[in-house]
C-alpha atoms as a PDB file:
ATOM      1  CA  MET A   1     133.562 112.383  93.430  1.00  0.00           C
ATOM      2  CA  HIS A   2     130.057 111.323  94.484  1.00  0.00           C
ATOM      3  CA  ASP A   3     129.531 107.775  95.870  1.00  0.00           C
ATOM      4  CA  PHE A   4     126.537 106.641  93.761  1.00  0.00           C
ATOM      5  CA  GLU A   5     126.473 103.216  95.356  1.00  0.00           C
ATOM      6  CA  LYS A   6     126.045 104.547  98.886  1.00  0.00           C
ATOM      7  CA  PHE A   7     123.996 107.628  97.893  1.00  0.00           C
ATOM      8  CA  PRO A   8     122.127 106.886  94.636  1.00  0.00           C
ATOM      9  CA  GLU A   9     119.909 109.975  94.857  1.00  0.00           C
ATOM     10  CA  LEU A  10     121.320 113.404  94.122  1.00  0.00           C
ATOM     11  CA  THR A  11     120.071 116.435  96.010  1.00  0.00           C
ATOM     12  CA  ASN A  12     118.855 119.306  93.867  1.00  0.00           C
ATOM     13  CA  ALA A  13     122.123 121.147  94.625  1.00  0.00           C
ATOM     14  CA  GLN A  14     124.204 118.128  93.489  1.00  0.00           C
ATOM     15  CA  LEU A  15     122.328 117.719  90.206  1.00  0.00           C
ATOM     16  CA  GLN A  16     124.285 120.454  88.441  1.00  0.00           C
ATOM     17  CA  PHE A  17     127.596 118.731  89.244  1.00  0.00           C
ATOM     18  CA  TYR A  18     126.850 114.993  89.049  1.00  0.00           C
ATOM     19  CA  TYR A  19     123.692 114.464  86.964  1.00  0.00           C
ATOM     20  CA  PHE A  20     125.525 113.276  83.845  1.00  0.00           C
ATOM     21  CA  ASP A  21     127.875 111.087  85.930  1.00  0.00           C
ATOM     22  CA  SER A  22     125.009 109.214  87.600  1.00  0.00           C
ATOM     23  CA  PRO A  23     124.913 105.561  86.506  1.00  0.00           C
ATOM     24  CA  HIS A  24     121.144 105.418  86.984  1.00  0.00           C
ATOM     25  CA  LYS A  25     118.050 107.499  86.380  1.00  0.00           C
ATOM     26  CA  GLN A  26     117.371 110.213  88.933  1.00  0.00           C
ATOM     27  CA  ILE A  27     113.782 110.246  90.148  1.00  0.00           C
ATOM     28  CA  PHE A  28     111.674 113.382  89.617  1.00  0.00           C
ATOM     29  CA  GLU A  29     108.206 111.926  89.047  1.00  0.00           C
ATOM     30  CA  ASN A  30     105.747 109.777  91.001  1.00  0.00           C
ATOM     31  CA  PHE A  31     106.276 106.024  90.571  1.00  0.00           C
ATOM     32  CA  GLN A  32     105.101 102.569  91.626  1.00  0.00           C
ATOM     33  CA  ALA A  33     107.313 100.337  93.773  1.00  0.00           C
ATOM     34  CA  ILE A  34     107.242  97.217  95.933  1.00  0.00           C
ATOM     35  CA  VAL A  35     108.108  97.595  99.628  1.00  0.00           C
ATOM     36  CA  ARG A  36     111.014  95.227 100.374  1.00  0.00           C
ATOM     37  CA  LYS A  37     111.935  96.301 103.912  1.00  0.00           C
ATOM     38  CA  VAL A  38     110.587  98.545 106.668  1.00  0.00           C
ATOM     39  CA  HIS A  39     113.481 100.136 108.554  1.00  0.00           C
ATOM     40  CA  ASP A  40     111.370 102.010 111.083  1.00  0.00           C
ATOM     41  CA  GLY A  41     108.142 104.010 111.132  1.00  0.00           C
ATOM     42  CA  ASP A  42     109.190 106.458 108.428  1.00  0.00           C
ATOM     43  CA  THR A  43     111.808 104.788 106.209  1.00  0.00           C
ATOM     44  CA  ILE A  44     111.349 101.874 103.810  1.00  0.00           C
ATOM     45  CA  THR A  45     113.374 100.121 101.107  1.00  0.00           C
ATOM     46  CA  VAL A  46     111.700  99.634  97.738  1.00  0.00           C
ATOM     47  CA  SER A  47     112.310  98.102  94.333  1.00  0.00           C
ATOM     48  CA  CYS A  48     110.892  99.253  91.006  1.00  0.00           C
ATOM     49  CA  ASP A  49     111.066  98.291  87.345  1.00  0.00           C
ATOM     50  CA  PHE A  50     113.403 101.093  86.218  1.00  0.00           C
ATOM     51  CA  ARG A  51     116.243 100.346  88.662  1.00  0.00           C
ATOM     52  CA  ASP A  52     118.182  97.131  89.137  1.00  0.00           C
ATOM     53  CA  PHE A  53     118.761  97.723  92.857  1.00  0.00           C
ATOM     54  CA  GLU A  54     116.677  98.386  95.962  1.00  0.00           C
ATOM     55  CA  PHE A  55     116.843 101.844  97.543  1.00  0.00           C
ATOM     56  CA  PRO A  56     115.542 103.678 100.625  1.00  0.00           C
ATOM     57  CA  VAL A  57     112.623 106.091 100.681  1.00  0.00           C
ATOM     58  CA  ARG A  58     111.926 108.388 103.634  1.00  0.00           C
ATOM     59  CA  PHE A  59     108.346 109.491 104.295  1.00  0.00           C
ATOM     60  CA  ALA A  60     108.230 113.211 103.450  1.00  0.00           C
ATOM     61  CA  ASN A  61     105.410 114.241 105.757  1.00  0.00           C
ATOM     62  CA  ILE A  62     106.021 112.494 109.101  1.00  0.00           C
ATOM     63  CA  ALA A  63     108.477 111.859 111.905  1.00  0.00           C
ATOM     64  CA  ALA A  64     108.111 108.473 113.593  1.00  0.00           C
ATOM     65  CA  PRO A  65     109.901 107.403 116.784  1.00  0.00           C
ATOM     66  CA  GLU A  66     113.316 105.843 116.245  1.00  0.00           C
ATOM     67  CA  LEU A  67     113.765 102.149 117.083  1.00  0.00           C
ATOM     68  CA  SER A  68     116.224 103.227 119.783  1.00  0.00           C
ATOM     69  CA  GLU A  69     113.365 105.097 121.507  1.00  0.00           C
ATOM     70  CA  GLY A  70     111.929 101.807 122.744  1.00  0.00           C
ATOM     71  CA  ALA A  71     108.442 100.372 122.425  1.00  0.00           C
ATOM     72  CA  GLN A  72     106.986 103.314 120.462  1.00  0.00           C
ATOM     73  CA  GLY A  73     109.601 102.975 117.723  1.00  0.00           C
ATOM     74  CA  LYS A  74     109.135  99.208 117.427  1.00  0.00           C
ATOM     75  CA  ASP A  75     105.351  99.634 117.461  1.00  0.00           C
ATOM     76  CA  ALA A  76     105.495 102.122 114.549  1.00  0.00           C
ATOM     77  CA  GLN A  77     107.789  99.804 112.577  1.00  0.00           C
ATOM     78  CA  SER A  78     105.592  96.741 113.211  1.00  0.00           C
ATOM     79  CA  TRP A  79     102.421  98.611 112.257  1.00  0.00           C
ATOM     80  CA  LEU A  80     104.017  99.786 109.008  1.00  0.00           C
ATOM     81  CA  GLU A  81     105.363  96.296 108.208  1.00  0.00           C
ATOM     82  CA  ASP A  82     101.911  94.787 108.703  1.00  0.00           C
ATOM     83  CA  LYS A  83     100.413  97.451 106.459  1.00  0.00           C
ATOM     84  CA  ILE A  84     102.729  97.642 103.433  1.00  0.00           C
ATOM     85  CA  LEU A  85     105.606  95.103 103.499  1.00  0.00           C
ATOM     86  CA  GLY A  86     105.573  93.234 100.177  1.00  0.00           C
ATOM     87  CA  GLU A  87     102.846  95.498  98.778  1.00  0.00           C
ATOM     88  CA  GLU A  88     102.855  97.745  95.719  1.00  0.00           C
ATOM     89  CA  ILE A  89     102.729 101.429  96.652  1.00  0.00           C
ATOM     90  CA  THR A  90     102.789 104.765  94.866  1.00  0.00           C
ATOM     91  CA  ILE A  91     105.500 107.207  95.853  1.00  0.00           C
ATOM     92  CA  LYS A  92     104.576 110.841  95.246  1.00  0.00           C
ATOM     93  CA  ILE A  93     107.630 113.052  94.777  1.00  0.00           C
ATOM     94  CA  THR A  94     107.824 116.771  95.534  1.00  0.00           C
ATOM     95  CA  LYS A  95     110.317 118.138  93.032  1.00  0.00           C
ATOM     96  CA  LEU A  96     111.611 120.936  95.280  1.00  0.00           C
ATOM     97  CA  ASN A  97     112.183 118.630  98.254  1.00  0.00           C
ATOM     98  CA  ARG A  98     112.970 115.222  96.758  1.00  0.00           C
ATOM     99  CA  VAL A  99     116.069 114.079  98.681  1.00  0.00           C
ATOM    100  CA  ASP A 100     116.894 114.430 102.398  1.00  0.00           C
ATOM    101  CA  LYS A 101     120.262 115.416 103.849  1.00  0.00           C
ATOM    102  CA  TRP A 102     121.296 111.726 104.103  1.00  0.00           C
ATOM    103  CA  GLY A 103     120.637 111.112 100.408  1.00  0.00           C
ATOM    104  CA  ARG A 104     117.344 109.247 100.793  1.00  0.00           C
ATOM    105  CA  LEU A 105     114.536 109.876  98.355  1.00  0.00           C
ATOM    106  CA  LEU A 106     111.607 111.673 100.030  1.00  0.00           C
ATOM    107  CA  GLY A 107     108.015 110.954  99.128  1.00  0.00           C
ATOM    108  CA  ASN A 108     104.454 110.596 100.267  1.00  0.00           C
ATOM    109  CA  ILE A 109     103.609 106.905 100.389  1.00  0.00           C
ATOM    110  CA  ILE A 110     100.201 106.013  98.967  1.00  0.00           C
ATOM    111  CA  PHE A 111      98.683 102.550  99.469  1.00  0.00           C
ATOM    112  CA  ARG A 112      95.165 101.682  98.294  1.00  0.00           C
ATOM    113  CA  GLY A 113      94.389 105.377  97.861  1.00  0.00           C
ATOM    114  CA  MET A 114      95.449 106.398 101.387  1.00  0.00           C
ATOM    115  CA  ASP A 115      98.482 108.481 102.348  1.00  0.00           C
ATOM    116  CA  ILE A 116     100.179 106.114 104.816  1.00  0.00           C
ATOM    117  CA  GLY A 117     101.956 108.997 106.577  1.00  0.00           C
ATOM    118  CA  VAL A 118      98.611 110.650 107.318  1.00  0.00           C
ATOM    119  CA  GLU A 119      97.250 107.301 108.487  1.00  0.00           C
ATOM    120  CA  GLU A 120     100.258 106.858 110.818  1.00  0.00           C
ATOM    121  CA  ILE A 121      99.554 110.265 112.342  1.00  0.00           C
ATOM    122  CA  MET A 122      95.848 109.424 112.792  1.00  0.00           C
ATOM    123  CA  MET A 123      96.787 106.097 114.441  1.00  0.00           C
ATOM    124  CA  GLY A 124      99.225 107.832 116.834  1.00  0.00           C
ATOM    125  CA  LYS A 125     102.256 106.040 115.346  1.00  0.00           C
ATOM    126  CA  ALA A 126     103.955 109.232 114.092  1.00  0.00           C
ATOM    127  CA  LYS A 127     103.782 113.019 114.221  1.00  0.00           C
ATOM    128  CA  SER A 128     103.501 115.425 111.352  1.00  0.00           C
ATOM    129  CA  TRP A 129     106.915 116.665 110.288  1.00  0.00           C
ATOM    130  CA  GLU A 130     106.017 120.119 111.621  1.00  0.00           C
ATOM    131  CA  GLY A 131     105.247 118.640 115.053  1.00  0.00           C
ATOM    132  CA  ARG A 132     108.324 116.429 115.314  1.00  0.00           C
ATOM    133  CA  ASN A 133     109.930 118.400 118.163  1.00  0.00           C
ATOM    134  CA  GLU A 134     106.794 119.106 120.198  1.00  0.00           C
ATOM    135  CA  GLY A 135     107.272 118.163 123.830  1.00  0.00           C
ATOM    136  CA  LYS A 136     111.039 117.767 123.527  1.00  0.00           C
ATOM    137  CA  ILE A 137     113.438 119.871 125.545  1.00  0.00           C
ATOM    138  CA  ILE A 138     115.750 121.711 123.176  1.00  0.00           C
ATOM    139  CA  ASN A 139     119.414 121.954 124.165  1.00  0.00           C
ATOM    140  CA  PRO A 140     120.172 125.721 123.840  1.00  0.00           C
ATOM    141  CA  ILE A 141     123.957 125.151 123.626  1.00  0.00           C
ATOM    142  CA  LYS A 142     123.521 122.764 120.695  1.00  0.00           C
ATOM    143  CA  LYS A 143     121.064 125.152 119.003  1.00  0.00           C
ATOM    144  CA  MET A 144     123.560 128.026 119.302  1.00  0.00           C
ATOM    145  CA  ALA A 145     126.312 125.830 117.825  1.00  0.00           C
ATOM    146  CA  GLU A 146     124.042 125.053 114.857  1.00  0.00           C
ATOM    147  CA  PHE A 147     123.196 128.728 114.271  1.00  0.00           C
ATOM    148  CA  LYS A 148     124.623 130.110 111.026  1.00  0.00           C
ATOM    149  CA  TRP A 149     125.491 133.789 110.956  1.00  0.00           C
ATOM    150  CA  ALA A 150     124.477 135.524 107.739  1.00  0.00           C
END
């Protein structure tokens, strides 16, 4: 059985099994929300009028440094807090890629007409999702272990 309290969003693959069991509306369209918490440079918690609980949203288009990565991670979080904490934002959903592997809703975050993910990239606080591994040394043993034979 799916844990709707811990993972309120269903992935597209889970929809066929659990959609009618979900105790709350699944999100497929853009919506307005208030930012309640900034976890790091690319994950926030929001509230909206059609749900009676707060839930996480992961920026769909960026990869920001983790807080554990030191000053860069804290800097990205602080910048984002200063920008949108307590503010009303628009979350733009891509229907084919709406939930990440950890069950967080994915979306482009729009504030005052600007895509905040794009702004974070321009300010040097994050990288585009495509560039998230640039400059990192890849562990070939780990990559081989992750390889799936067809």
